[in-house]
C-alpha atoms as a PDB file:
ATOM      1  CA  MET A   1      20.399  21.038 -26.468  1.00  0.00           C
ATOM      2  CA  ARG A   2      22.127  23.330 -28.980  1.00  0.00           C
ATOM      3  CA  GLU A   3      25.561  22.289 -27.639  1.00  0.00           C
ATOM      4  CA  VAL A   4      24.653  18.596 -27.937  1.00  0.00           C
ATOM      5  CA  ALA A   5      23.513  19.128 -31.534  1.00  0.00           C
ATOM      6  CA  ALA A   6      26.717  20.965 -32.384  1.00  0.00           C
ATOM      7  CA  LEU A   7      28.984  18.313 -30.841  1.00  0.00           C
ATOM      8  CA  ALA A   8      27.081  15.439 -32.491  1.00  0.00           C
ATOM      9  CA  LYS A   9      26.899  17.389 -35.783  1.00  0.00           C
ATOM     10  CA  VAL A  10      23.128  16.932 -36.072  1.00  0.00           C
ATOM     11  CA  SER A  11      20.127  19.227 -36.001  1.00  0.00           C
ATOM     12  CA  ILE A  12      18.403  20.303 -32.783  1.00  0.00           C
ATOM     13  CA  LYS A  13      15.312  18.448 -34.027  1.00  0.00           C
ATOM     14  CA  THR A  14      17.313  15.188 -34.169  1.00  0.00           C
ATOM     15  CA  VAL A  15      18.522  15.691 -30.593  1.00  0.00           C
ATOM     16  CA  SER A  16      14.929  16.318 -29.531  1.00  0.00           C
ATOM     17  CA  ARG A  17      13.795  13.091 -31.184  1.00  0.00           C
ATOM     18  CA  VAL A  18      16.502  11.080 -29.435  1.00  0.00           C
ATOM     19  CA  VAL A  19      15.943  12.427 -25.919  1.00  0.00           C
ATOM     20  CA  ASN A  20      12.166  12.065 -26.282  1.00  0.00           C
ATOM     21  CA  ALA A  21      12.521   8.487 -27.599  1.00  0.00           C
ATOM     22  CA  GLU A  22      10.696   9.329 -30.825  1.00  0.00           C
ATOM     23  CA  ALA A  23      10.861   7.199 -33.954  1.00  0.00           C
ATOM     24  CA  GLY A  24      12.737   8.153 -37.114  1.00  0.00           C
ATOM     25  CA  VAL A  25      16.326   8.171 -35.829  1.00  0.00           C
ATOM     26  CA  SER A  26      18.793   5.431 -36.773  1.00  0.00           C
ATOM     27  CA  PRO A  27      20.483   3.514 -33.921  1.00  0.00           C
ATOM     28  CA  SER A  28      23.942   4.765 -34.922  1.00  0.00           C
ATOM     29  CA  LEU A  29      22.790   8.369 -34.972  1.00  0.00           C
ATOM     30  CA  ALA A  30      21.014   7.957 -31.633  1.00  0.00           C
ATOM     31  CA  ARG A  31      24.210   6.573 -30.085  1.00  0.00           C
ATOM     32  CA  ARG A  32      26.153   9.562 -31.399  1.00  0.00           C
ATOM     33  CA  VAL A  33      23.671  11.992 -29.866  1.00  0.00           C
ATOM     34  CA  MET A  34      23.642  10.156 -26.506  1.00  0.00           C
ATOM     35  CA  ALA A  35      27.436  10.091 -26.427  1.00  0.00           C
ATOM     36  CA  ALA A  36      27.505  13.858 -26.990  1.00  0.00           C
ATOM     37  CA  ALA A  37      24.880  14.377 -24.300  1.00  0.00           C
ATOM     38  CA  GLU A  38      26.885  12.295 -21.826  1.00  0.00           C
ATOM     39  CA  ARG A  39      30.101  14.139 -22.652  1.00  0.00           C
ATOM     40  CA  LEU A  40      28.384  17.488 -22.004  1.00  0.00           C
ATOM     41  CA  ASP A  41      26.613  16.145 -18.902  1.00  0.00           C
ATOM     42  CA  TYR A  42      23.289  17.114 -20.503  1.00  0.00           C
ATOM     43  CA  ARG A  43      20.163  16.599 -18.379  1.00  0.00           C
ATOM     44  CA  HIS A  44      16.870  16.474 -20.228  1.00  0.00           C
ATOM     45  CA  ASN A  45      14.082  18.707 -18.851  1.00  0.00           C
ATOM     46  CA  MET A  46      11.152  16.268 -18.767  1.00  0.00           C
ATOM     47  CA  THR A  47       8.652  18.852 -17.510  1.00  0.00           C
ATOM     48  CA  ALA A  48       9.360  21.280 -20.316  1.00  0.00           C
ATOM     49  CA  SER A  49       9.361  18.591 -22.991  1.00  0.00           C
ATOM     50  CA  SER A  50       6.071  17.134 -21.791  1.00  0.00           C
ATOM     51  CA  LEU A  51       4.408  20.430 -22.708  1.00  0.00           C
ATOM     52  CA  ARG A  52       5.610  20.017 -26.294  1.00  0.00           C
ATOM     53  CA  ARG A  53       4.819  16.333 -26.790  1.00  0.00           C
ATOM     54  CA  SER A  54       1.855  15.402 -28.901  1.00  0.00           C
ATOM     55  CA  ASN A  55       0.585  13.001 -26.209  1.00  0.00           C
ATOM     56  CA  GLY A  56       1.273  15.406 -23.314  1.00  0.00           C
ATOM     57  CA  ARG A  57       2.978  12.683 -21.279  1.00  0.00           C
ATOM     58  CA  SER A  58       5.463  13.538 -18.523  1.00  0.00           C
ATOM     59  CA  ALA A  59       6.752   9.972 -17.900  1.00  0.00           C
ATOM     60  CA  THR A  60       5.907  10.315 -14.197  1.00  0.00           C
ATOM     61  CA  ILE A  61       3.238   8.878 -11.909  1.00  0.00           C
ATOM     62  CA  GLY A  62       2.242   9.977  -8.408  1.00  0.00           C
ATOM     63  CA  VAL A  63       1.760   7.542  -5.525  1.00  0.00           C
ATOM     64  CA  VAL A  64      -0.083   8.582  -2.347  1.00  0.00           C
ATOM     65  CA  LEU A  65       0.488   6.159   0.531  1.00  0.00           C
ATOM     66  CA  GLU A  66      -0.597   6.109   4.167  1.00  0.00           C
ATOM     67  CA  ASP A  67       2.976   6.238   5.484  1.00  0.00           C
ATOM     68  CA  VAL A  68       6.007   5.465   3.336  1.00  0.00           C
ATOM     69  CA  SER A  69       7.919   4.415   6.469  1.00  0.00           C
ATOM     70  CA  ASN A  70       5.408   1.655   7.263  1.00  0.00           C
ATOM     71  CA  PRO A  71       6.715  -1.698   5.934  1.00  0.00           C
ATOM     72  CA  PHE A  72       3.439  -2.378   4.099  1.00  0.00           C
ATOM     73  CA  SER A  73       3.481   1.002   2.341  1.00  0.00           C
ATOM     74  CA  SER A  74       7.169   0.796   1.502  1.00  0.00           C
ATOM     75  CA  ALA A  75       6.693  -2.654  -0.067  1.00  0.00           C
ATOM     76  CA  LEU A  76       3.802  -1.253  -2.107  1.00  0.00           C
ATOM     77  CA  HIS A  77       5.975   1.638  -3.249  1.00  0.00           C
ATOM     78  CA  ARG A  78       8.856  -0.616  -4.287  1.00  0.00           C
ATOM     79  CA  SER A  79       6.699  -2.989  -6.330  1.00  0.00           C
ATOM     80  CA  ILE A  80       5.020  -0.071  -8.136  1.00  0.00           C
ATOM     81  CA  GLU A  81       8.436   1.418  -8.827  1.00  0.00           C
ATOM     82  CA  ASP A  82       9.754  -1.876 -10.225  1.00  0.00           C
ATOM     83  CA  VAL A  83       6.995  -1.908 -12.859  1.00  0.00           C
ATOM     84  CA  ALA A  84       7.375   1.812 -13.610  1.00  0.00           C
ATOM     85  CA  VAL A  85      11.154   1.588 -14.112  1.00  0.00           C
ATOM     86  CA  GLN A  86      10.643  -0.992 -16.860  1.00  0.00           C
ATOM     87  CA  ARG A  87       8.479   1.588 -18.631  1.00  0.00           C
ATOM     88  CA  GLY A  88      10.995   4.389 -18.160  1.00  0.00           C
ATOM     89  CA  VAL A  89       8.628   6.170 -15.788  1.00  0.00           C
ATOM     90  CA  LEU A  90       9.595   8.032 -12.600  1.00  0.00           C
ATOM     91  CA  VAL A  91       7.573   7.498  -9.403  1.00  0.00           C
ATOM     92  CA  LEU A  92       6.820  10.438  -7.097  1.00  0.00           C
ATOM     93  CA  ALA A  93       5.531   9.357  -3.669  1.00  0.00           C
ATOM     94  CA  GLY A  94       4.216  10.959  -0.479  1.00  0.00           C
ATOM     95  CA  SER A  95       2.532  10.067   2.824  1.00  0.00           C
ATOM     96  CA  SER A  96      -1.013  11.161   3.669  1.00  0.00           C
ATOM     97  CA  ASP A  97      -0.746  10.179   7.369  1.00  0.00           C
ATOM     98  CA  GLU A  98      -4.491   9.353   7.301  1.00  0.00           C
ATOM     99  CA  ASP A  99      -5.174  13.058   6.779  1.00  0.00           C
ATOM    100  CA  GLU A 100      -7.798  13.869   4.117  1.00  0.00           C
ATOM    101  CA  GLU A 101      -6.460  17.382   3.537  1.00  0.00           C
ATOM    102  CA  ARG A 102      -2.913  16.117   3.145  1.00  0.00           C
ATOM    103  CA  GLU A 103      -4.080  13.513   0.633  1.00  0.00           C
ATOM    104  CA  GLN A 104      -5.659  16.249  -1.470  1.00  0.00           C
ATOM    105  CA  GLN A 105      -2.553  18.434  -1.164  1.00  0.00           C
ATOM    106  CA  LEU A 106      -0.362  15.602  -2.436  1.00  0.00           C
ATOM    107  CA  VAL A 107      -2.697  14.895  -5.339  1.00  0.00           C
ATOM    108  CA  SER A 108      -2.713  18.602  -6.211  1.00  0.00           C
ATOM    109  CA  ALA A 109       1.088  18.743  -6.053  1.00  0.00           C
ATOM    110  CA  PHE A 110       1.425  15.724  -8.339  1.00  0.00           C
ATOM    111  CA  ALA A 111      -1.198  17.107 -10.734  1.00  0.00           C
ATOM    112  CA  SER A 112       0.655  20.409 -10.969  1.00  0.00           C
ATOM    113  CA  ARG A 113       3.674  18.417 -12.125  1.00  0.00           C
ATOM    114  CA  ARG A 114       1.526  16.860 -14.844  1.00  0.00           C
ATOM    115  CA  VAL A 115       1.867  13.240 -13.701  1.00  0.00           C
ATOM    116  CA  ASP A 116       0.356  10.776 -16.156  1.00  0.00           C
ATOM    117  CA  GLY A 117      -1.359   8.687 -13.497  1.00  0.00           C
ATOM    118  CA  LEU A 118      -2.064   8.305  -9.793  1.00  0.00           C
ATOM    119  CA  ILE A 119      -2.008   5.313  -7.458  1.00  0.00           C
ATOM    120  CA  ILE A 120      -3.722   6.207  -4.198  1.00  0.00           C
ATOM    121  CA  GLN A 121      -4.039   4.471  -0.825  1.00  0.00           C
ATOM    122  CA  PRO A 122      -6.945   6.679   0.236  1.00  0.00           C
ATOM    123  CA  SER A 123      -7.542   8.542   3.477  1.00  0.00           C
ATOM    124  CA  SER A 124     -10.342  10.773   2.203  1.00  0.00           C
ATOM    125  CA  HIS A 125     -14.003   9.779   2.509  1.00  0.00           C
ATOM    126  CA  ASP A 126     -15.022  11.730  -0.592  1.00  0.00           C
ATOM    127  CA  HIS A 127     -13.049  11.406  -3.793  1.00  0.00           C
ATOM    128  CA  SER A 128     -15.355  13.451  -5.980  1.00  0.00           C
ATOM    129  CA  TYR A 129     -12.606  16.098  -5.883  1.00  0.00           C
ATOM    130  CA  LEU A 130     -10.740  13.918  -8.396  1.00  0.00           C
ATOM    131  CA  GLN A 131     -13.354  14.349 -11.122  1.00  0.00           C
ATOM    132  CA  ALA A 132     -11.433  17.258 -12.640  1.00  0.00           C
ATOM    133  CA  GLU A 133      -8.267  15.162 -12.876  1.00  0.00           C
ATOM    134  CA  ARG A 134     -10.213  12.315 -14.431  1.00  0.00           C
ATOM    135  CA  LYS A 135     -11.683  14.632 -17.064  1.00  0.00           C
ATOM    136  CA  ALA A 136      -8.157  15.879 -17.768  1.00  0.00           C
ATOM    137  CA  GLY A 137      -7.213  12.292 -18.663  1.00  0.00           C
ATOM    138  CA  THR A 138      -5.233  11.342 -15.556  1.00  0.00           C
ATOM    139  CA  ALA A 139      -5.400   7.577 -15.014  1.00  0.00           C
ATOM    140  CA  MET A 140      -5.911   6.456 -11.411  1.00  0.00           C
ATOM    141  CA  VAL A 141      -5.956   3.245  -9.389  1.00  0.00           C
ATOM    142  CA  PHE A 142      -6.825   2.854  -5.703  1.00  0.00           C
ATOM    143  CA  VAL A 143      -5.004   0.316  -3.526  1.00  0.00           C
ATOM    144  CA  ASP A 144      -5.808  -1.244  -0.149  1.00  0.00           C
ATOM    145  CA  ARG A 145      -9.123   0.670   0.089  1.00  0.00           C
ATOM    146  CA  PRO A 146     -11.759   1.662  -2.463  1.00  0.00           C
ATOM    147  CA  PRO A 147     -12.544   5.315  -3.243  1.00  0.00           C
ATOM    148  CA  SER A 148     -15.729   7.026  -2.090  1.00  0.00           C
ATOM    149  CA  PHE A 149     -18.114   8.710  -4.566  1.00  0.00           C
ATOM    150  CA  LEU A 150     -15.873   7.799  -7.486  1.00  0.00           C
ATOM    151  CA  ASP A 151     -15.880   4.801  -9.807  1.00  0.00           C
ATOM    152  CA  ALA A 152     -12.277   3.713 -10.339  1.00  0.00           C
ATOM    153  CA  ASP A 153      -9.985   0.702 -10.617  1.00  0.00           C
ATOM    154  CA  THR A 154      -9.133  -0.933  -7.267  1.00  0.00           C
ATOM    155  CA  VAL A 155      -6.697  -3.516  -5.924  1.00  0.00           C
ATOM    156  CA  LEU A 156      -7.718  -4.686  -2.452  1.00  0.00           C
ATOM    157  CA  THR A 157      -7.033  -7.395   0.146  1.00  0.00           C
ATOM    158  CA  ASP A 158      -9.554  -9.931   1.474  1.00  0.00           C
ATOM    159  CA  ASN A 159      -9.522  -8.239   4.886  1.00  0.00           C
ATOM    160  CA  ALA A 160     -12.601  -9.750   6.555  1.00  0.00           C
ATOM    161  CA  ALA A 161     -11.939 -13.216   5.111  1.00  0.00           C
ATOM    162  CA  GLY A 162      -8.332 -13.113   6.315  1.00  0.00           C
ATOM    163  CA  VAL A 163      -9.339 -12.240   9.871  1.00  0.00           C
ATOM    164  CA  ARG A 164     -12.015 -14.938   9.867  1.00  0.00           C
ATOM    165  CA  ARG A 165      -9.365 -17.476   8.877  1.00  0.00           C
ATOM    166  CA  GLY A 166      -7.150 -16.390  11.770  1.00  0.00           C
ATOM    167  CA  VAL A 167      -9.904 -16.365  14.399  1.00  0.00           C
ATOM    168  CA  ARG A 168     -11.096 -19.781  13.175  1.00  0.00           C
ATOM    169  CA  HIS A 169      -7.558 -21.069  13.659  1.00  0.00           C
ATOM    170  CA  LEU A 170      -7.538 -19.854  17.273  1.00  0.00           C
ATOM    171  CA  VAL A 171     -10.910 -21.495  17.913  1.00  0.00           C
ATOM    172  CA  GLU A 172      -9.552 -24.750  16.488  1.00  0.00           C
ATOM    173  CA  GLN A 173      -6.691 -24.515  19.005  1.00  0.00           C
ATOM    174  CA  GLY A 174      -9.316 -24.530  21.769  1.00  0.00           C
ATOM    175  CA  HIS A 175      -9.613 -20.816  22.520  1.00  0.00           C
ATOM    176  CA  ARG A 176     -12.947 -19.243  23.482  1.00  0.00           C
ATOM    177  CA  ARG A 177     -11.801 -15.961  25.032  1.00  0.00           C
ATOM    178  CA  ILE A 178     -10.206 -14.254  22.044  1.00  0.00           C
ATOM    179  CA  GLY A 179      -9.327 -10.598  22.371  1.00  0.00           C
ATOM    180  CA  TYR A 180      -9.257  -8.212  19.419  1.00  0.00           C
ATOM    181  CA  LEU A 181      -7.137  -5.070  19.021  1.00  0.00           C
ATOM    182  CA  GLY A 182      -7.668  -2.878  15.954  1.00  0.00           C
ATOM    183  CA  ASP A 183      -6.554   0.292  14.183  1.00  0.00           C
ATOM    184  CA  LEU A 184      -8.697   3.415  13.654  1.00  0.00           C
ATOM    185  CA  HIS A 185     -12.250   2.275  12.979  1.00  0.00           C
ATOM    186  CA  THR A 186     -12.708   5.129  10.503  1.00  0.00           C
ATOM    187  CA  ILE A 187     -10.257   3.335   8.193  1.00  0.00           C
ATOM    188  CA  MET A 188     -12.170   1.011   5.896  1.00  0.00           C
ATOM    189  CA  THR A 189      -9.669  -1.840   6.203  1.00  0.00           C
ATOM    190  CA  ALA A 190      -9.733  -1.633  10.006  1.00  0.00           C
ATOM    191  CA  ALA A 191     -13.542  -1.736  10.007  1.00  0.00           C
ATOM    192  CA  GLU A 192     -13.515  -4.723   7.633  1.00  0.00           C
ATOM    193  CA  ARG A 193     -11.076  -6.631   9.832  1.00  0.00           C
ATOM    194  CA  HIS A 194     -13.130  -5.966  12.936  1.00  0.00           C
ATOM    195  CA  ARG A 195     -16.190  -7.180  11.040  1.00  0.00           C
ATOM    196  CA  GLY A 196     -14.346 -10.406  10.216  1.00  0.00           C
ATOM    197  CA  TYR A 197     -13.642 -10.964  13.916  1.00  0.00           C
ATOM    198  CA  VAL A 198     -17.287 -10.371  14.914  1.00  0.00           C
ATOM    199  CA  GLU A 199     -18.584 -12.646  12.158  1.00  0.00           C
ATOM    200  CA  GLU A 200     -16.249 -15.529  12.933  1.00  0.00           C
ATOM    201  CA  MET A 201     -16.943 -15.355  16.667  1.00  0.00           C
ATOM    202  CA  ALA A 202     -20.665 -15.569  15.840  1.00  0.00           C
ATOM    203  CA  ALA A 203     -20.042 -18.460  13.446  1.00  0.00           C
ATOM    204  CA  ALA A 204     -18.224 -20.299  16.249  1.00  0.00           C
ATOM    205  CA  ARG A 205     -21.182 -19.566  18.579  1.00  0.00           C
ATOM    206  CA  ILE A 206     -18.949 -17.644  20.959  1.00  0.00           C
ATOM    207  CA  GLU A 207     -20.669 -14.762  22.745  1.00  0.00           C
ATOM    208  CA  LEU A 208     -18.869 -11.508  22.094  1.00  0.00           C
ATOM    209  CA  ASP A 209     -17.304  -9.971  25.207  1.00  0.00           C
ATOM    210  CA  GLU A 210     -16.806  -6.244  24.582  1.00  0.00           C
ATOM    211  CA  SER A 211     -14.236  -6.094  27.391  1.00  0.00           C
ATOM    212  CA  LEU A 212     -11.956  -8.066  25.063  1.00  0.00           C
ATOM    213  CA  VAL A 213     -12.226  -5.579  22.194  1.00  0.00           C
ATOM    214  CA  ARG A 214     -10.047  -2.472  21.780  1.00  0.00           C
ATOM    215  CA  LEU A 215     -10.413  -0.283  18.688  1.00  0.00           C
ATOM    216  CA  ASP A 216      -8.906   2.989  17.447  1.00  0.00           C
ATOM    217  CA  LEU A 217      -5.384   2.043  18.502  1.00  0.00           C
ATOM    218  CA  ARG A 218      -2.976   4.202  16.509  1.00  0.00           C
ATOM    219  CA  GLY A 219       0.649   3.211  16.941  1.00  0.00           C
ATOM    220  CA  ILE A 220       2.733   0.779  18.954  1.00  0.00           C
ATOM    221  CA  GLU A 221       2.526   2.532  22.343  1.00  0.00           C
ATOM    222  CA  LYS A 222      -1.291   2.738  22.419  1.00  0.00           C
ATOM    223  CA  ALA A 223      -1.544  -0.888  21.351  1.00  0.00           C
ATOM    224  CA  GLU A 224       0.860  -1.962  24.081  1.00  0.00           C
ATOM    225  CA  GLN A 225      -1.061  -0.059  26.768  1.00  0.00           C
ATOM    226  CA  ALA A 226      -4.414  -1.439  25.614  1.00  0.00           C
ATOM    227  CA  THR A 227      -3.033  -4.983  25.650  1.00  0.00           C
ATOM    228  CA  LEU A 228      -1.652  -4.555  29.162  1.00  0.00           C
ATOM    229  CA  GLU A 229      -5.041  -3.334  30.390  1.00  0.00           C
ATOM    230  CA  MET A 230      -6.829  -6.244  28.739  1.00  0.00           C
ATOM    231  CA  LEU A 231      -4.435  -8.867  30.111  1.00  0.00           C
ATOM    232  CA  GLU A 232      -4.539  -7.431  33.627  1.00  0.00           C
ATOM    233  CA  GLY A 233      -8.356  -7.540  33.719  1.00  0.00           C
ATOM    234  CA  SER A 234     -10.373  -9.904  35.895  1.00  0.00           C
ATOM    235  CA  ARG A 235     -11.091 -12.290  32.998  1.00  0.00           C
ATOM    236  CA  PRO A 236      -8.224 -11.939  30.524  1.00  0.00           C
ATOM    237  CA  PRO A 237      -8.206 -13.553  27.078  1.00  0.00           C
ATOM    238  CA  THR A 238      -6.322 -16.734  26.269  1.00  0.00           C
ATOM    239  CA  ALA A 239      -5.632 -15.512  22.734  1.00  0.00           C
ATOM    240  CA  LEU A 240      -5.283 -12.219  20.866  1.00  0.00           C
ATOM    241  CA  PHE A 241      -5.927 -11.201  17.292  1.00  0.00           C
ATOM    242  CA  THR A 242      -4.313  -7.920  16.266  1.00  0.00           C
ATOM    243  CA  GLY A 243      -5.611  -6.106  13.195  1.00  0.00           C
ATOM    244  CA  GLN A 244      -2.503  -4.224  11.988  1.00  0.00           C
ATOM    245  CA  ASN A 245       1.276  -4.679  12.005  1.00  0.00           C
ATOM    246  CA  LEU A 246       2.118  -1.862  14.458  1.00  0.00           C
ATOM    247  CA  VAL A 247      -0.678  -3.055  16.773  1.00  0.00           C
ATOM    248  CA  THR A 248       0.862  -6.537  16.653  1.00  0.00           C
ATOM    249  CA  ILE A 249       4.227  -5.161  17.761  1.00  0.00           C
ATOM    250  CA  GLY A 250       2.608  -3.319  20.688  1.00  0.00           C
ATOM    251  CA  ALA A 251       0.675  -6.420  21.749  1.00  0.00           C
ATOM    252  CA  PHE A 252       3.782  -8.613  21.624  1.00  0.00           C
ATOM    253  CA  ARG A 253       5.690  -6.088  23.735  1.00  0.00           C
ATOM    254  CA  ALA A 254       2.937  -6.271  26.359  1.00  0.00           C
ATOM    255  CA  LEU A 255       3.000 -10.075  26.333  1.00  0.00           C
ATOM    256  CA  ARG A 256       6.776 -10.061  26.821  1.00  0.00           C
ATOM    257  CA  LYS A 257       6.542  -7.470  29.587  1.00  0.00           C
ATOM    258  CA  LEU A 258       4.084  -9.684  31.506  1.00  0.00           C
ATOM    259  CA  LYS A 259       6.017 -12.850  30.555  1.00  0.00           C
ATOM    260  CA  LEU A 260       2.893 -14.246  28.875  1.00  0.00           C
ATOM    261  CA  HIS A 261       4.256 -14.616  25.341  1.00  0.00           C
ATOM    262  CA  ASN A 262       4.470 -18.407  25.724  1.00  0.00           C
ATOM    263  CA  ARG A 263       1.028 -18.692  27.343  1.00  0.00           C
ATOM    264  CA  ILE A 264      -1.243 -16.325  25.387  1.00  0.00           C
ATOM    265  CA  ALA A 265      -1.759 -17.094  21.704  1.00  0.00           C
ATOM    266  CA  LEU A 266      -1.290 -14.262  19.211  1.00  0.00           C
ATOM    267  CA  ILE A 267      -2.127 -13.859  15.529  1.00  0.00           C
ATOM    268  CA  GLY A 268      -1.550 -10.572  13.720  1.00  0.00           C
ATOM    269  CA  PHE A 269      -2.820  -9.165  10.448  1.00  0.00           C
ATOM    270  CA  ASP A 270       0.129  -8.066   8.260  1.00  0.00           C
ATOM    271  CA  ASP A 271       3.563  -9.583   8.502  1.00  0.00           C
ATOM    272  CA  ILE A 272       6.286  -7.761  10.410  1.00  0.00           C
ATOM    273  CA  LEU A 273      10.050  -7.703  10.045  1.00  0.00           C
ATOM    274  CA  LEU A 274      11.869 -10.381  12.095  1.00  0.00           C
ATOM    275  CA  ALA A 275       8.574 -11.998  13.179  1.00  0.00           C
ATOM    276  CA  ASP A 276      10.135 -15.401  12.514  1.00  0.00           C
ATOM    277  CA  LEU A 277      13.122 -14.685  14.787  1.00  0.00           C
ATOM    278  CA  LEU A 278      11.121 -13.935  17.943  1.00  0.00           C
ATOM    279  CA  GLU A 279      10.311 -16.547  20.573  1.00  0.00           C
ATOM    280  CA  PRO A 280       7.776 -17.746  19.778  1.00  0.00           C
ATOM    281  CA  GLY A 281       7.640 -16.648  16.159  1.00  0.00           C
ATOM    282  CA  ILE A 282       4.538 -14.564  15.423  1.00  0.00           C
ATOM    283  CA  THR A 283       1.814 -16.235  13.398  1.00  0.00           C
ATOM    284  CA  VAL A 284       0.339 -13.778  10.893  1.00  0.00           C
ATOM    285  CA  ILE A 285      -2.308 -13.350   8.264  1.00  0.00           C
ATOM    286  CA  ALA A 286       0.021 -11.964   5.628  1.00  0.00           C
ATOM    287  CA  GLN A 287      -0.982  -9.572   2.904  1.00  0.00           C
ATOM    288  CA  ASP A 288       1.019  -9.508  -0.312  1.00  0.00           C
ATOM    289  CA  PRO A 289       1.909  -5.826  -0.823  1.00  0.00           C
ATOM    290  CA  THR A 290       4.255  -6.757  -3.645  1.00  0.00           C
ATOM    291  CA  ALA A 291       1.409  -8.372  -5.600  1.00  0.00           C
ATOM    292  CA  ILE A 292      -0.945  -5.492  -4.743  1.00  0.00           C
ATOM    293  CA  GLY A 293       1.538  -2.862  -5.935  1.00  0.00           C
ATOM    294  CA  ARG A 294       2.484  -4.784  -9.068  1.00  0.00           C
ATOM    295  CA  THR A 295      -1.162  -5.361 -10.003  1.00  0.00           C
ATOM    296  CA  ALA A 296      -2.029  -1.698  -9.416  1.00  0.00           C
ATOM    297  CA  ALA A 297       0.872  -0.518 -11.580  1.00  0.00           C
ATOM    298  CA  GLU A 298      -0.029  -2.940 -14.363  1.00  0.00           C
ATOM    299  CA  VAL A 299      -3.659  -1.760 -14.330  1.00  0.00           C
ATOM    300  CA  LEU A 300      -2.527   1.876 -14.390  1.00  0.00           C
ATOM    301  CA  PHE A 301      -0.231   1.354 -17.367  1.00  0.00           C
ATOM    302  CA  ARG A 302      -2.922  -0.526 -19.260  1.00  0.00           C
ATOM    303  CA  ARG A 303      -5.116   2.546 -18.830  1.00  0.00           C
ATOM    304  CA  LEU A 304      -2.267   4.781 -19.997  1.00  0.00           C
ATOM    305  CA  ASP A 305      -1.873   2.520 -23.030  1.00  0.00           C
ATOM    306  CA  GLY A 306      -5.464   3.241 -23.984  1.00  0.00           C
ATOM    307  CA  GLN A 307      -7.604   0.568 -22.298  1.00  0.00           C
ATOM    308  CA  ARG A 308     -11.130   1.957 -21.855  1.00  0.00           C
ATOM    309  CA  SER A 309     -12.997  -1.000 -20.328  1.00  0.00           C
ATOM    310  CA  PRO A 310     -15.195  -0.635 -17.202  1.00  0.00           C
ATOM    311  CA  SER A 311     -13.409  -0.287 -13.853  1.00  0.00           C
ATOM    312  CA  GLU A 312     -11.470  -3.346 -12.729  1.00  0.00           C
ATOM    313  CA  HIS A 313     -11.648  -4.623  -9.162  1.00  0.00           C
ATOM    314  CA  HIS A 314      -8.922  -7.023  -8.047  1.00  0.00           C
ATOM    315  CA  VAL A 315      -8.709  -8.832  -4.687  1.00  0.00           C
ATOM    316  CA  VAL A 316      -5.347 -10.231  -3.572  1.00  0.00           C
ATOM    317  CA  ARG A 317      -5.769 -13.092  -1.112  1.00  0.00           C
ATOM    318  CA  THR A 318      -4.012 -13.257   2.243  1.00  0.00           C
ATOM    319  CA  THR A 319      -2.112 -16.289   3.518  1.00  0.00           C
ATOM    320  CA  MET A 320      -1.645 -17.615   7.038  1.00  0.00           C
ATOM    321  CA  ILE A 321       1.970 -18.084   8.130  1.00  0.00           C
ATOM    322  CA  LYS A 322       2.156 -20.328  11.211  1.00  0.00           C
ATOM    323  CA  ARG A 323       5.199 -19.611  13.377  1.00  0.00           C
ATOM    324  CA  GLY A 324       4.167 -20.694  16.873  1.00  0.00           C
ATOM    325  CA  SER A 325       2.439 -17.798  18.621  1.00  0.00           C
ATOM    326  CA  GLY A 326      -0.935 -18.658  17.094  1.00  0.00           C
ATOM    327  CA  GLU A 327      -0.589 -22.330  17.927  1.00  0.00           C
ATOM    328  CA  ILE A 328      -0.368 -21.932  21.718  1.00  0.00           C
ATOM    329  CA  HIS A 329      -3.160 -23.914  23.443  1.00  0.00           C
ATOM    330  CA  PRO A 330      -5.202 -22.540  26.366  1.00  0.00           C
END
């Protein structure tokens, strides 16, 4: 910083004001300082400066996601980042892999770097461990799932309602034997989606056949194997509803392997890449991760700007995208 001040022929305090975006510096003087900084390839130490700022801000936020490689999580990340970039804020992100301990480790790592806020897609079933961070003034928003034992802002999806819409669509196509394949039942969203299936089957006065239900399917391979077993049973389903994008991929692979993809209807929860290019295209109940991420970021920044109202709870509706696989008749 001393070298920048010397080259720009200003005081160190003026350089500090410019790099910290503080008021009281004329535009022409700020341009002179920035030109000197660029010429010297100066890189501002945000962590050190955050300790000296009157508001203690670090211009960073931490984002804990289930799996940044999953298309849903990556879309969430990107939409949060788009809002943060407009505020000049850096986004740090990590994957919890549905591991409670890893979630807490990530939060601790972000907290040690003095992030201003947290956006969390939770894996833990007890978020009381965040009370210390809340008391320290860290803003936080939960996405996709609500926190446990903590009152906080949330941005969720209408999981059960979305599944009910999809199952109702299959019933309207004439299906009565509708199989269901779901993710880990310990995940709140997975449990909600399964509940939607059970409720809509009851509403349609269709007796639930437990042989057509497979839960706790983690990953494409397990979903494919479970689908094969279900379809090769003595009374196979005429339609399938899959409760997560990777489960949908596994189910479609099984249908293709048995050459049943044009005979067994399929609707999946969550859209998947290239779903419209398959034959038939996969009908989905699509979440809007972009809207979820954008809403969460906007809520977080409102809190950082000083909003102190009671916790906000937003629900982003799903939409059905009909592409052919869900419109196959029995």
